[in-house]
């Protein structure tokens, strides 16, 4: 059976020997670590229009937004037949009465209305 104090003293001798010799880094290791760290850094935040453009999804997002805006404007100004002209009503150009609207075209061809 070994004495615990002997193991501690041997271990302490190994620690003193390790403290006496300074660790040596291989040549170029620090340069490689720093270059890897620079590549992993996040890009600087964008400002102004670039930030708005990237927040909307870049070119695909802007294309969809412009298309939806144009279609909404077109449907608002010149709606298909059978729908009331909301822009004309708001601007006072056209007055739409409920009697002018064909109920059958707006309510699923009259399928939802029960006949008595």
Protein backbone atom coordinates (compact mmCIF):
# COMPACT_ATOMS: atom_id res chain seq x y z
CA UNK A 1 0.00 0.00 0.00
CA UNK A 2 1.34 3.42 -0.99
CA UNK A 3 1.37 6.41 1.25
CA UNK A 4 -0.91 9.31 0.14
CA UNK A 5 1.73 11.89 1.04
CA UNK A 6 4.21 10.34 -1.38
CA UNK A 7 1.73 10.67 -4.23
CA UNK A 8 1.06 14.32 -3.34
CA UNK A 9 4.75 15.17 -3.22
CA UNK A 10 5.41 13.46 -6.55
CA UNK A 11 2.48 15.30 -8.06
CA UNK A 12 3.72 18.59 -6.65
CA UNK A 13 7.16 17.94 -8.18
CA UNK A 14 5.54 17.44 -11.58
CA UNK A 15 3.60 20.68 -11.17
CA UNK A 16 6.80 22.59 -10.28
CA UNK A 17 8.55 21.15 -13.33
CA UNK A 18 5.62 22.23 -15.54
CA UNK A 19 5.69 25.73 -14.05
CA UNK A 20 9.43 26.03 -14.67
CA UNK A 21 9.13 25.52 -18.44
CA UNK A 22 7.00 28.09 -20.27
CA UNK A 23 4.61 26.67 -22.87
CA UNK A 24 5.71 27.21 -26.46
CA UNK A 25 3.26 27.97 -29.24
CA UNK A 26 3.94 26.62 -32.71
CA UNK A 27 4.94 29.21 -35.31
CA UNK A 28 1.95 30.89 -36.95
CA UNK A 29 -0.68 29.46 -34.57
CA UNK A 30 -1.58 32.85 -33.10
CA UNK A 31 -1.83 34.40 -36.57
CA UNK A 32 -4.16 31.61 -37.74
CA UNK A 33 -6.35 31.92 -34.64
CA UNK A 34 -6.66 35.70 -35.08
CA UNK A 35 -7.48 35.41 -38.80
CA UNK A 36 -10.18 32.81 -38.04
CA UNK A 37 -11.59 35.10 -35.35
CA UNK A 38 -11.78 38.01 -37.81
CA UNK A 39 -13.69 35.92 -40.36
CA UNK A 40 -16.21 34.84 -37.72
CA UNK A 41 -17.06 38.42 -36.68
CA UNK A 42 -20.55 39.60 -37.73
CA UNK A 43 -20.83 42.14 -40.50
CA UNK A 44 -21.27 45.74 -39.39
CA UNK A 45 -24.91 46.83 -39.18
CA UNK A 46 -26.33 48.44 -42.27
CA UNK A 47 -27.71 51.95 -42.18
CA UNK A 48 -30.29 53.94 -44.08
CA UNK A 49 -31.87 52.47 -47.18
CA UNK A 50 -29.66 49.38 -47.08
CA UNK A 51 -31.12 48.42 -43.70
CA UNK A 52 -34.70 48.91 -44.94
CA UNK A 53 -33.94 47.01 -48.15
CA UNK A 54 -32.44 44.02 -46.31
CA UNK A 55 -35.22 44.04 -43.67
CA UNK A 56 -37.84 43.67 -46.43
CA UNK A 57 -36.07 40.63 -47.87
CA UNK A 58 -33.84 42.11 -50.55
CA UNK A 59 -34.87 41.98 -54.20
CA UNK A 60 -37.45 39.16 -53.89
CA UNK A 61 -39.18 40.87 -50.97
CA UNK A 62 -39.21 44.26 -52.68
CA UNK A 63 -40.53 42.71 -55.90
CA UNK A 64 -43.44 41.09 -54.07
CA UNK A 65 -44.19 44.27 -52.15
CA UNK A 66 -44.25 46.39 -55.30
CA UNK A 67 -46.42 43.85 -57.14
CA UNK A 68 -48.94 43.67 -54.30
CA UNK A 69 -49.05 47.46 -54.01
CA UNK A 70 -49.67 47.93 -57.73
CA UNK A 71 -52.39 45.27 -57.79
CA UNK A 72 -54.11 46.72 -54.72
CA UNK A 73 -54.03 50.20 -56.21
CA UNK A 74 -55.38 48.93 -59.54
CA UNK A 75 -58.23 46.98 -57.90
CA UNK A 76 -59.05 49.97 -55.72
CA UNK A 77 -59.26 52.44 -58.60
CA UNK A 78 -60.77 50.19 -61.30
CA UNK A 79 -62.52 47.24 -59.61
CA UNK A 80 -63.91 44.33 -61.60
CA UNK A 81 -67.54 44.49 -62.66
CA UNK A 82 -69.95 43.43 -59.97
CA UNK A 83 -67.99 44.99 -57.13
CA UNK A 84 -68.71 48.47 -55.82
CA UNK A 85 -66.21 51.17 -56.75
CA UNK A 86 -64.76 52.08 -53.36
CA UNK A 87 -62.45 54.80 -54.70
CA UNK A 88 -65.34 56.44 -56.57
CA UNK A 89 -67.54 56.31 -53.49
CA UNK A 90 -64.83 57.80 -51.23
CA UNK A 91 -64.03 60.57 -53.72
CA UNK A 92 -67.73 61.31 -54.24
CA UNK A 93 -67.64 60.51 -57.94
CA UNK A 94 -69.98 57.56 -57.79
CA UNK A 95 -72.72 56.70 -55.35
CA UNK A 96 -73.43 53.03 -54.96
CA UNK A 97 -76.77 51.93 -53.65
CA UNK A 98 -77.57 48.47 -52.43
CA UNK A 99 -80.27 48.25 -55.10
CA UNK A 100 -77.59 48.66 -57.79
CA UNK A 101 -75.64 45.62 -56.59
CA UNK A 102 -76.77 42.25 -57.86
CA UNK A 103 -77.05 40.17 -54.68
CA UNK A 104 -76.71 36.84 -56.49
CA UNK A 105 -73.24 37.67 -57.82
CA UNK A 106 -71.89 38.70 -54.43
CA UNK A 107 -73.30 35.84 -52.39
CA UNK A 108 -71.93 32.74 -54.10
CA UNK A 109 -74.51 32.74 -56.88
CA UNK A 110 -77.38 32.63 -54.42
CA UNK A 111 -76.48 29.17 -53.11
CA UNK A 112 -76.32 30.37 -49.54
CA UNK A 113 -79.77 31.96 -49.62
CA UNK A 114 -82.57 29.57 -48.81
CA UNK A 115 -85.75 29.98 -50.79
CA UNK A 116 -89.01 29.76 -48.93
